């Protein structure tokens, strides 16, 4: 029983980690609490559902179209909502309220167009695979493999490319890149598009596994934010670690209590970290590295 729960928690954590990594890319570089990331998550799943299930476009092309569309939507959100607030020198509270309002607007539009009932893009029983007593469905394996590939690509970009150096420089000092002659608006577009696509990838994978409704984004963004905090705010790797840890802890807690307690357990974990480890798991190690640099 325990190995199966750990495996299920790991798969759930991989999904959380993708959402958290997208949120961390945006927050760490722009310092905007992008609550509408949850709406982008939901919209990504519904765009894929529209292309594949309603319009019967081939699967791979539907994925491509959904991710391209959500990347442009991410940029549009920044251009029309956040950048005007930045230029006016608005406070962080204004960003949060605006982002929350945007989330509500997008979710209600989705509910108006598609209804509130659960949509299941992939119907029917899925084949399962057994690994030493652990049973995983095909879509669960796909989630895990996609997480490995996507996270590896993202971190290679962050660590080995000029773009990654620029993003980390913007995270540490947003004024630095302007001095270096780099257009910060261009970097923001990359960050919002990439972060939005990561959320859409997680949403599509989850929709193929358990379906979707207009309100799935709320749980996704809350779990993603908690994952970023417990992993370490400002640390891209922390989003991955926090997401996996959160998924496993939720699975173990649900084993002993009930699935209805998933959200309370999430916030209990958050409170415990804020009380006893507010810098996150990787926070102390990061500060030591910076001090020695």
Protein backbone atom coordinates (compact mmCIF):
# COMPACT_ATOMS: atom_id res chain seq x y z
CA UNK A 1 0.00 0.00 0.00
CA UNK A 2 2.71 2.49 0.99
CA UNK A 3 4.76 2.12 -2.23
CA UNK A 4 1.60 2.67 -4.29
CA UNK A 5 0.74 5.80 -2.31
CA UNK A 6 4.26 7.14 -2.73
CA UNK A 7 4.09 6.50 -6.48
CA UNK A 8 0.72 8.24 -6.77
CA UNK A 9 2.03 11.14 -4.69
CA UNK A 10 5.10 11.41 -6.89
CA UNK A 11 2.96 11.66 -10.04
CA UNK A 12 0.74 14.28 -8.40
CA UNK A 13 3.85 16.12 -7.24
CA UNK A 14 5.21 16.18 -10.79
CA UNK A 15 2.05 17.99 -11.91
CA UNK A 16 2.33 20.45 -9.00
CA UNK A 17 5.97 21.02 -9.86
CA UNK A 18 5.20 22.06 -13.45
CA UNK A 19 2.63 24.58 -12.24
CA UNK A 20 4.99 25.80 -9.53
CA UNK A 21 7.89 26.14 -11.95
CA UNK A 22 5.77 28.27 -14.29
CA UNK A 23 4.65 30.44 -11.37
CA UNK A 24 8.23 30.71 -10.07
CA UNK A 25 9.56 31.82 -13.46
CA UNK A 26 7.08 34.69 -13.47
CA UNK A 27 7.28 35.65 -9.80
CA UNK A 28 11.04 35.34 -9.38
CA UNK A 29 11.78 37.57 -12.37
CA UNK A 30 8.94 40.12 -12.20
CA UNK A 31 7.92 40.00 -8.50
CA UNK A 32 4.28 39.82 -9.57
CA UNK A 33 2.06 37.41 -7.63
CA UNK A 34 0.44 36.00 -10.74
CA UNK A 35 -2.76 34.60 -9.25
CA UNK A 36 -4.26 34.49 -12.74
CA UNK A 37 -1.79 31.67 -13.41
CA UNK A 38 -4.61 29.41 -12.22
CA UNK A 39 -6.92 30.79 -14.90
CA UNK A 40 -4.21 30.29 -17.52
CA UNK A 41 -3.92 26.69 -16.30
CA UNK A 42 -7.66 26.15 -16.78
CA UNK A 43 -7.73 27.92 -20.12
CA UNK A 44 -4.89 25.75 -21.43
CA UNK A 45 -6.87 22.59 -20.72
CA UNK A 46 -10.02 23.97 -22.36
CA UNK A 47 -8.17 25.17 -25.44
CA UNK A 48 -6.76 21.68 -25.92
CA UNK A 49 -10.23 20.20 -25.32
CA UNK A 50 -11.66 22.51 -27.98
CA UNK A 51 -9.05 21.70 -30.59
CA UNK A 52 -8.95 17.94 -30.00
CA UNK A 53 -12.38 16.85 -28.72
CA UNK A 54 -14.67 19.45 -30.31
CA UNK A 55 -12.89 20.35 -33.54
CA UNK A 56 -11.26 16.90 -34.01
CA UNK A 57 -7.83 18.30 -34.85
CA UNK A 58 -5.06 15.65 -34.56
CA UNK A 59 -3.66 15.21 -31.05
CA UNK A 60 -0.14 16.58 -31.60
CA UNK A 61 -1.38 19.54 -33.61
CA UNK A 62 -3.98 20.27 -30.91
CA UNK A 63 -1.22 20.35 -28.31
CA UNK A 64 0.86 22.69 -30.45
CA UNK A 65 -2.04 25.06 -31.10
CA UNK A 66 -3.07 25.11 -27.44
CA UNK A 67 0.46 25.89 -26.24
CA UNK A 68 1.01 28.59 -28.87
CA UNK A 69 -2.32 30.21 -28.00
CA UNK A 70 -1.65 30.10 -24.26
CA UNK A 71 1.81 31.62 -24.75
CA UNK A 72 0.25 34.61 -26.54
CA UNK A 73 -2.42 34.85 -23.84
CA UNK A 74 0.28 34.97 -21.17
CA UNK A 75 2.01 37.82 -23.00
CA UNK A 76 -1.33 39.59 -23.50
CA UNK A 77 -2.05 39.44 -19.76
CA UNK A 78 1.26 41.08 -18.98
CA UNK A 79 0.91 43.72 -21.69
CA UNK A 80 -2.65 44.74 -20.84
CA UNK A 81 -2.79 44.29 -17.06
CA UNK A 82 0.59 44.17 -15.35
CA UNK A 83 2.80 46.46 -17.42
CA UNK A 84 0.42 49.45 -17.13
CA UNK A 85 0.46 48.93 -13.35
CA UNK A 86 4.25 48.73 -13.33
CA UNK A 87 4.52 51.98 -15.27
CA UNK A 88 2.23 53.66 -12.73
CA UNK A 89 4.34 52.43 -9.83
CA UNK A 90 1.49 50.43 -8.29
CA UNK A 91 1.96 48.56 -5.03
CA UNK A 92 2.19 44.74 -4.80
CA UNK A 93 -1.32 44.68 -3.31
CA UNK A 94 -2.69 46.24 -6.50
CA UNK A 95 -1.00 43.50 -8.55
CA UNK A 96 -2.59 40.80 -6.39
CA UNK A 97 -6.09 42.31 -6.54
CA UNK A 98 -5.83 42.85 -10.30
CA UNK A 99 -4.60 39.32 -10.85
CA UNK A 100 -7.38 37.88 -8.71
CA UNK A 101 -9.95 39.92 -10.64
CA UNK A 102 -8.51 38.66 -13.91
CA UNK A 103 -8.72 35.09 -12.63
CA UNK A 104 -12.41 35.52 -11.79
CA UNK A 105 -13.19 37.06 -15.19
CA UNK A 106 -11.46 34.31 -17.19
CA UNK A 107 -12.98 31.49 -15.14
CA UNK A 108 -16.49 32.88 -15.49
CA UNK A 109 -16.05 33.27 -19.26
CA UNK A 110 -14.95 29.62 -19.46
CA UNK A 111 -17.95 28.52 -17.37
CA UNK A 112 -20.29 30.57 -19.55
CA UNK A 113 -18.95 29.04 -22.77
CA UNK A 114 -18.45 25.43 -21.68
CA UNK A 115 -20.69 25.01 -18.63
CA UNK A 116 -19.69 23.95 -15.12
CA UNK A 117 -19.91 20.21 -15.64
CA UNK A 118 -16.76 18.09 -15.78
CA UNK A 119 -15.26 17.50 -19.22
CA UNK A 120 -13.29 14.33 -19.91
CA UNK A 121 -11.17 14.59 -23.08
CA UNK A 122 -9.91 11.00 -22.80
CA UNK A 123 -12.78 8.62 -22.07
CA UNK A 124 -12.68 4.89 -21.45
CA UNK A 125 -10.38 2.71 -19.38
CA UNK A 126 -6.67 3.30 -19.77
CA UNK A 127 -4.09 0.51 -19.89
CA UNK A 128 -2.09 0.03 -16.71
CA UNK A 129 1.46 -1.12 -16.04
CA UNK A 130 2.84 -2.92 -13.00
CA UNK A 131 6.28 -2.21 -11.55
CA UNK A 132 7.11 -4.40 -8.58
CA UNK A 133 3.60 -4.26 -7.16
CA UNK A 134 3.05 -0.58 -8.08
CA UNK A 135 0.25 -0.06 -10.61
CA UNK A 136 0.31 3.07 -12.76
CA UNK A 137 -1.99 4.08 -15.59
CA UNK A 138 -0.51 5.07 -18.92
CA UNK A 139 -1.35 8.73 -18.43
CA UNK A 140 0.40 8.68 -15.03
CA UNK A 141 3.54 7.41 -16.69
CA UNK A 142 3.16 10.08 -19.34
CA UNK A 143 2.90 12.77 -16.65
CA UNK A 144 6.08 11.52 -14.99
CA UNK A 145 8.04 11.26 -18.25
CA UNK A 146 6.88 14.68 -19.46
CA UNK A 147 7.89 16.17 -16.12
CA UNK A 148 11.39 14.69 -16.40
CA UNK A 149 11.88 15.94 -19.96
CA UNK A 150 10.33 19.39 -19.45
CA UNK A 151 12.12 20.13 -16.17
CA UNK A 152 15.44 18.96 -17.65
CA UNK A 153 15.02 21.24 -20.68
CA UNK A 154 14.01 24.23 -18.54
CA UNK A 155 16.98 23.86 -16.22
CA UNK A 156 19.39 23.37 -19.10
CA UNK A 157 18.09 26.65 -20.49
CA UNK A 158 18.40 28.34 -17.10
CA UNK A 159 21.92 27.08 -16.42
CA UNK A 160 23.58 26.76 -19.80
CA UNK A 161 22.21 29.50 -22.06
CA UNK A 162 22.46 33.25 -22.29
CA UNK A 163 18.72 33.49 -21.76
CA UNK A 164 19.04 31.57 -18.50
CA UNK A 165 21.79 33.88 -17.30
CA UNK A 166 19.61 36.87 -18.14
CA UNK A 167 16.61 35.43 -16.27
CA UNK A 168 18.71 34.75 -13.18
CA UNK A 169 20.19 38.23 -13.41
CA UNK A 170 16.69 39.71 -13.62
CA UNK A 171 15.71 37.63 -10.59
CA UNK A 172 18.61 39.02 -8.55
CA UNK A 173 18.52 42.62 -9.82
CA UNK A 174 15.89 43.74 -12.31
CA UNK A 175 17.76 46.97 -13.04
CA UNK A 176 20.92 45.11 -13.94
CA UNK A 177 19.70 43.84 -17.28
CA UNK A 178 18.82 47.37 -18.41
CA UNK A 179 22.38 48.43 -17.66
CA UNK A 180 23.56 45.46 -19.74
CA UNK A 181 21.55 46.76 -22.71
CA UNK A 182 18.89 44.03 -22.58
CA UNK A 183 15.25 44.98 -23.14
CA UNK A 184 13.35 43.98 -19.96
CA UNK A 185 10.02 44.02 -21.83
CA UNK A 186 11.31 41.34 -24.18
CA UNK A 187 12.43 39.23 -21.22
CA UNK A 188 9.02 39.64 -19.58
CA UNK A 189 7.36 38.33 -22.73
CA UNK A 190 9.56 35.25 -22.68
CA UNK A 191 8.89 34.67 -18.99
CA UNK A 192 5.11 35.01 -19.24
CA UNK A 193 4.89 32.87 -22.36
CA UNK A 194 7.11 30.10 -20.95
CA UNK A 195 5.43 30.15 -17.54
CA UNK A 196 1.98 30.00 -19.14
CA UNK A 197 2.95 27.08 -21.37
CA UNK A 198 4.25 25.13 -18.35
CA UNK A 199 0.88 25.63 -16.63
CA UNK A 200 -0.95 24.55 -19.80
CA UNK A 201 1.18 21.41 -20.07
CA UNK A 202 0.28 20.40 -16.53
CA UNK A 203 -3.38 21.20 -17.18
CA UNK A 204 -3.58 19.12 -20.34
CA UNK A 205 -1.91 16.13 -18.69
CA UNK A 206 -4.24 16.33 -15.68
CA UNK A 207 -7.31 16.71 -17.89
CA UNK A 208 -6.39 13.51 -19.71
CA UNK A 209 -6.09 11.78 -16.34
CA UNK A 210 -9.03 13.01 -14.25
CA UNK A 211 -10.94 15.44 -16.48
CA UNK A 212 -11.50 19.13 -15.83
CA UNK A 213 -14.01 21.79 -14.87
CA UNK A 214 -13.76 25.60 -14.87
CA UNK A 215 -12.61 25.68 -11.25
CA UNK A 216 -9.63 23.30 -11.36
CA UNK A 217 -7.26 26.24 -11.64
CA UNK A 218 -7.87 27.38 -8.05
CA UNK A 219 -6.51 24.18 -6.54
CA UNK A 220 -3.67 24.15 -9.05
CA UNK A 221 -2.47 27.68 -8.32
CA UNK A 222 -2.77 27.23 -4.55
CA UNK A 223 -0.74 24.03 -4.70
CA UNK A 224 1.78 25.67 -7.01
CA UNK A 225 2.24 28.67 -4.72
CA UNK A 226 2.63 26.45 -1.66
CA UNK A 227 5.19 24.37 -3.55
CA UNK A 228 7.20 27.50 -4.38
CA UNK A 229 7.14 28.65 -0.76
CA UNK A 230 8.16 25.34 0.80
CA UNK A 231 10.82 24.79 -1.84
CA UNK A 232 12.26 28.28 -1.44
CA UNK A 233 11.01 31.55 -2.91
CA UNK A 234 13.43 32.93 -5.49
CA UNK A 235 14.95 29.51 -6.22
CA UNK A 236 13.84 27.87 -9.45
CA UNK A 237 14.90 24.41 -8.24
CA UNK A 238 12.78 24.91 -5.13
CA UNK A 239 9.59 24.86 -7.18
CA UNK A 240 10.41 21.35 -8.41
CA UNK A 241 11.37 20.03 -4.98
CA UNK A 242 8.42 21.71 -3.28
CA UNK A 243 5.92 20.34 -5.78
CA UNK A 244 7.12 16.75 -5.45
CA UNK A 245 7.28 16.95 -1.66
CA UNK A 246 3.79 18.44 -1.48
CA UNK A 247 2.33 15.71 -3.68
CA UNK A 248 3.89 12.94 -1.60
CA UNK A 249 2.87 14.49 1.74
CA UNK A 250 -0.70 14.95 0.51
CA UNK A 251 -0.87 11.33 -0.61
CA UNK A 252 0.40 10.04 2.73
CA UNK A 253 -1.96 12.28 4.69
CA UNK A 254 -4.98 11.29 2.59
CA UNK A 255 -4.07 7.64 3.26
CA UNK A 256 -4.60 8.23 6.97
CA UNK A 257 -7.49 10.72 6.82
CA UNK A 258 -9.66 11.44 3.74
CA UNK A 259 -9.35 12.91 0.26
CA UNK A 260 -11.66 15.74 1.37
CA UNK A 261 -8.81 17.00 3.55
CA UNK A 262 -6.45 17.59 0.61
CA UNK A 263 -6.72 21.39 0.60
CA UNK A 264 -6.60 21.76 4.42
CA UNK A 265 -3.54 19.51 4.45
CA UNK A 266 -1.91 21.71 1.82
CA UNK A 267 -2.36 24.80 3.97
CA UNK A 268 -1.30 22.96 7.12
CA UNK A 269 1.97 22.09 5.39
CA UNK A 270 2.33 25.74 4.36
CA UNK A 271 1.73 26.97 7.92
CA UNK A 272 4.28 24.53 9.33
CA UNK A 273 6.91 25.71 6.85
CA UNK A 274 6.14 29.37 7.52
CA UNK A 275 6.54 28.75 11.25
CA UNK A 276 9.63 26.55 11.27
CA UNK A 277 11.28 26.96 7.86
CA UNK A 278 10.07 30.25 6.32
CA UNK A 279 12.99 30.41 3.86
CA UNK A 280 11.99 27.05 2.35
CA UNK A 281 13.96 23.86 1.99
CA UNK A 282 16.66 25.31 -0.27
CA UNK A 283 16.64 28.81 1.18
CA UNK A 284 19.51 28.40 3.65
CA UNK A 285 21.74 26.63 1.16
CA UNK A 286 21.16 29.35 -1.40
CA UNK A 287 22.10 32.12 1.03
CA UNK A 288 25.29 30.28 1.93
CA UNK A 289 26.22 29.99 -1.74
CA UNK A 290 25.58 33.68 -2.29
CA UNK A 291 27.62 34.58 0.78
CA UNK A 292 30.56 32.56 -0.44
CA UNK A 293 30.34 33.98 -3.99
